[in-house]
Amino acid sequence: MVRVLKNGGRLTILEFSPPPSGFFGAVYRFYLNTIMQAVGGIISGSASAYRYLSSSIANFPKPEDILKLMQAEGLKKLYSERLTGGIVYIYRGKK
């Protein structure tokens, strides 16, 4: 993404994050691993897609690691904002 940005260009990413620790994280992990997979599988007919999605979210890099990757790619003025109790983040950087 950084490669195609013009100098001074801004990058914004909206991404799921691994479940946070604590009670909310435990509830969210339960939702990801049981409810979302079951309901998504029934509605879409593809339970494997929802198993993959929950696994992908659980194994996604942590927010601090995303910011390190962005910094390593040369982005400046890094910013992250935690949304929905930490299950979603907005990341921003400037080239």
C-alpha atoms as a PDB file:
ATOM      1  CA  MET A   1       0.000   0.000   0.000  1.00  0.00           C
ATOM      2  CA  VAL A   2       2.776   2.395   0.887  1.00  0.00           C
ATOM      3  CA  ARG A   3       4.436   1.812  -2.478  1.00  0.00           C
ATOM      4  CA  VAL A   4       1.500   3.304  -4.376  1.00  0.00           C
ATOM      5  CA  LEU A   5       1.032   6.317  -2.100  1.00  0.00           C
ATOM      6  CA  LYS A   6       2.291   9.670  -3.337  1.00  0.00           C
ATOM      7  CA  ASN A   7       4.615  11.579  -1.030  1.00  0.00           C
ATOM      8  CA  GLY A   8       2.375  13.212   1.537  1.00  0.00           C
ATOM      9  CA  GLY A   9      -0.344  10.629   0.843  1.00  0.00           C
ATOM     10  CA  ARG A  10      -2.343   9.198   3.711  1.00  0.00           C
ATOM     11  CA  LEU A  11      -3.131   5.583   4.418  1.00  0.00           C
ATOM     12  CA  THR A  12      -6.184   4.587   6.441  1.00  0.00           C
ATOM     13  CA  ILE A  13      -6.953   0.992   7.406  1.00  0.00           C
ATOM     14  CA  LEU A  14     -10.055  -0.335   9.163  1.00  0.00           C
ATOM     15  CA  GLU A  15      -9.356  -3.825  10.457  1.00  0.00           C
ATOM     16  CA  PHE A  16     -10.580  -6.408  12.937  1.00  0.00           C
ATOM     17  CA  SER A  17      -8.270  -7.042  15.872  1.00  0.00           C
ATOM     18  CA  PRO A  18      -7.636 -10.127  17.978  1.00  0.00           C
ATOM     19  CA  PRO A  19     -10.055 -10.289  20.896  1.00  0.00           C
ATOM     20  CA  PRO A  20      -8.931  -8.165  23.846  1.00  0.00           C
ATOM     21  CA  SER A  21      -8.214  -9.728  27.215  1.00  0.00           C
ATOM     22  CA  GLY A  22     -10.701  -9.720  30.055  1.00  0.00           C
ATOM     23  CA  PHE A  23     -14.412 -10.427  30.218  1.00  0.00           C
ATOM     24  CA  PHE A  24     -15.343  -8.663  26.973  1.00  0.00           C
ATOM     25  CA  GLY A  25     -12.610 -10.562  25.118  1.00  0.00           C
ATOM     26  CA  ALA A  26     -13.895 -13.868  26.483  1.00  0.00           C
ATOM     27  CA  VAL A  27     -17.435 -13.069  25.351  1.00  0.00           C
ATOM     28  CA  TYR A  28     -16.176 -11.983  21.936  1.00  0.00           C
ATOM     29  CA  ARG A  29     -14.081 -15.168  21.524  1.00  0.00           C
ATOM     30  CA  PHE A  30     -17.167 -17.232  22.386  1.00  0.00           C
ATOM     31  CA  TYR A  31     -19.164 -15.284  19.791  1.00  0.00           C
ATOM     32  CA  LEU A  32     -16.466 -15.743  17.122  1.00  0.00           C
ATOM     33  CA  ASN A  33     -15.983 -19.433  17.728  1.00  0.00           C
ATOM     34  CA  THR A  34     -19.583 -20.545  18.196  1.00  0.00           C
ATOM     35  CA  ILE A  35     -22.383 -18.114  17.388  1.00  0.00           C
ATOM     36  CA  MET A  36     -20.874 -16.389  14.341  1.00  0.00           C
ATOM     37  CA  GLN A  37     -19.708 -19.676  12.829  1.00  0.00           C
ATOM     38  CA  ALA A  38     -23.069 -21.377  13.340  1.00  0.00           C
ATOM     39  CA  VAL A  39     -25.281 -18.509  12.189  1.00  0.00           C
ATOM     40  CA  GLY A  40     -22.965 -17.468   9.346  1.00  0.00           C
ATOM     41  CA  GLY A  41     -22.708 -21.065   8.178  1.00  0.00           C
ATOM     42  CA  ILE A  42     -26.479 -21.505   8.160  1.00  0.00           C
ATOM     43  CA  ILE A  43     -27.172 -18.237   6.354  1.00  0.00           C
ATOM     44  CA  SER A  44     -24.380 -18.509   3.790  1.00  0.00           C
ATOM     45  CA  GLY A  45     -24.190 -22.275   3.455  1.00  0.00           C
ATOM     46  CA  SER A  46     -20.429 -22.077   4.027  1.00  0.00           C
ATOM     47  CA  ALA A  47     -19.517 -22.843   7.627  1.00  0.00           C
ATOM     48  CA  SER A  48     -15.869 -23.235   6.601  1.00  0.00           C
ATOM     49  CA  ALA A  49     -15.732 -19.573   5.531  1.00  0.00           C
ATOM     50  CA  TYR A  50     -16.798 -18.487   9.012  1.00  0.00           C
ATOM     51  CA  ARG A  51     -14.362 -20.871  10.689  1.00  0.00           C
ATOM     52  CA  TYR A  52     -11.637 -19.290   8.567  1.00  0.00           C
ATOM     53  CA  LEU A  53     -12.831 -15.773   9.445  1.00  0.00           C
ATOM     54  CA  SER A  54     -12.778 -16.397  13.199  1.00  0.00           C
ATOM     55  CA  SER A  55      -9.344 -18.045  12.943  1.00  0.00           C
ATOM     56  CA  SER A  56      -8.051 -15.182  10.820  1.00  0.00           C
ATOM     57  CA  ILE A  57      -9.267 -12.569  13.317  1.00  0.00           C
ATOM     58  CA  ALA A  58      -7.822 -14.464  16.282  1.00  0.00           C
ATOM     59  CA  ASN A  59      -4.410 -14.766  14.600  1.00  0.00           C
ATOM     60  CA  PHE A  60      -4.228 -11.261  13.132  1.00  0.00           C
ATOM     61  CA  PRO A  61      -1.307  -9.119  14.352  1.00  0.00           C
ATOM     62  CA  LYS A  62      -1.908  -7.062  17.484  1.00  0.00           C
ATOM     63  CA  PRO A  63      -2.466  -3.313  17.060  1.00  0.00           C
ATOM     64  CA  GLU A  64       1.017  -2.431  18.312  1.00  0.00           C
ATOM     65  CA  ASP A  65       2.514  -4.813  15.735  1.00  0.00           C
ATOM     66  CA  ILE A  66       0.501  -3.201  12.927  1.00  0.00           C
ATOM     67  CA  LEU A  67       1.891   0.195  13.931  1.00  0.00           C
ATOM     68  CA  LYS A  68       5.438  -1.236  13.950  1.00  0.00           C
ATOM     69  CA  LEU A  69       4.895  -2.599  10.429  1.00  0.00           C
ATOM     70  CA  MET A  70       3.602   0.761   9.264  1.00  0.00           C
ATOM     71  CA  GLN A  71       6.609   2.510  10.793  1.00  0.00           C
ATOM     72  CA  ALA A  72       8.992  -0.014   9.213  1.00  0.00           C
ATOM     73  CA  GLU A  73       7.469   0.832   5.819  1.00  0.00           C
ATOM     74  CA  GLY A  74       8.329   4.490   6.358  1.00  0.00           C
ATOM     75  CA  LEU A  75       4.970   5.899   7.373  1.00  0.00           C
ATOM     76  CA  LYS A  76       4.963   8.883   9.729  1.00  0.00           C
ATOM     77  CA  LYS A  77       2.354  10.501  11.987  1.00  0.00           C
ATOM     78  CA  LEU A  78       1.040   7.086  12.965  1.00  0.00           C
ATOM     79  CA  TYR A  79      -2.331   6.912  14.656  1.00  0.00           C
ATOM     80  CA  SER A  80      -4.566   4.131  15.870  1.00  0.00           C
ATOM     81  CA  GLU A  81      -8.037   4.287  17.342  1.00  0.00           C
ATOM     82  CA  ARG A  82      -9.685   1.449  19.216  1.00  0.00           C
ATOM     83  CA  LEU A  83     -13.351   0.935  18.332  1.00  0.00           C
ATOM     84  CA  THR A  84     -16.102  -1.379  19.589  1.00  0.00           C
ATOM     85  CA  GLY A  85     -14.281  -2.411  22.735  1.00  0.00           C
ATOM     86  CA  GLY A  86     -11.093  -3.242  20.862  1.00  0.00           C
ATOM     87  CA  ILE A  87     -12.415  -5.671  18.260  1.00  0.00           C
ATOM     88  CA  VAL A  88     -11.896  -3.132  15.470  1.00  0.00           C
ATOM     89  CA  TYR A  89      -9.138  -0.539  14.955  1.00  0.00           C
ATOM     90  CA  ILE A  90      -8.544   2.344  12.605  1.00  0.00           C
ATOM     91  CA  TYR A  91      -4.904   2.853  11.658  1.00  0.00           C
ATOM     92  CA  ARG A  92      -3.546   5.926   9.895  1.00  0.00           C
ATOM     93  CA  GLY A  93      -0.174   6.963   8.596  1.00  0.00           C
ATOM     94  CA  LYS A  94       1.316   9.510   6.234  1.00  0.00           C
ATOM     95  CA  LYS A  95       4.030   8.933   3.628  1.00  0.00           C
END
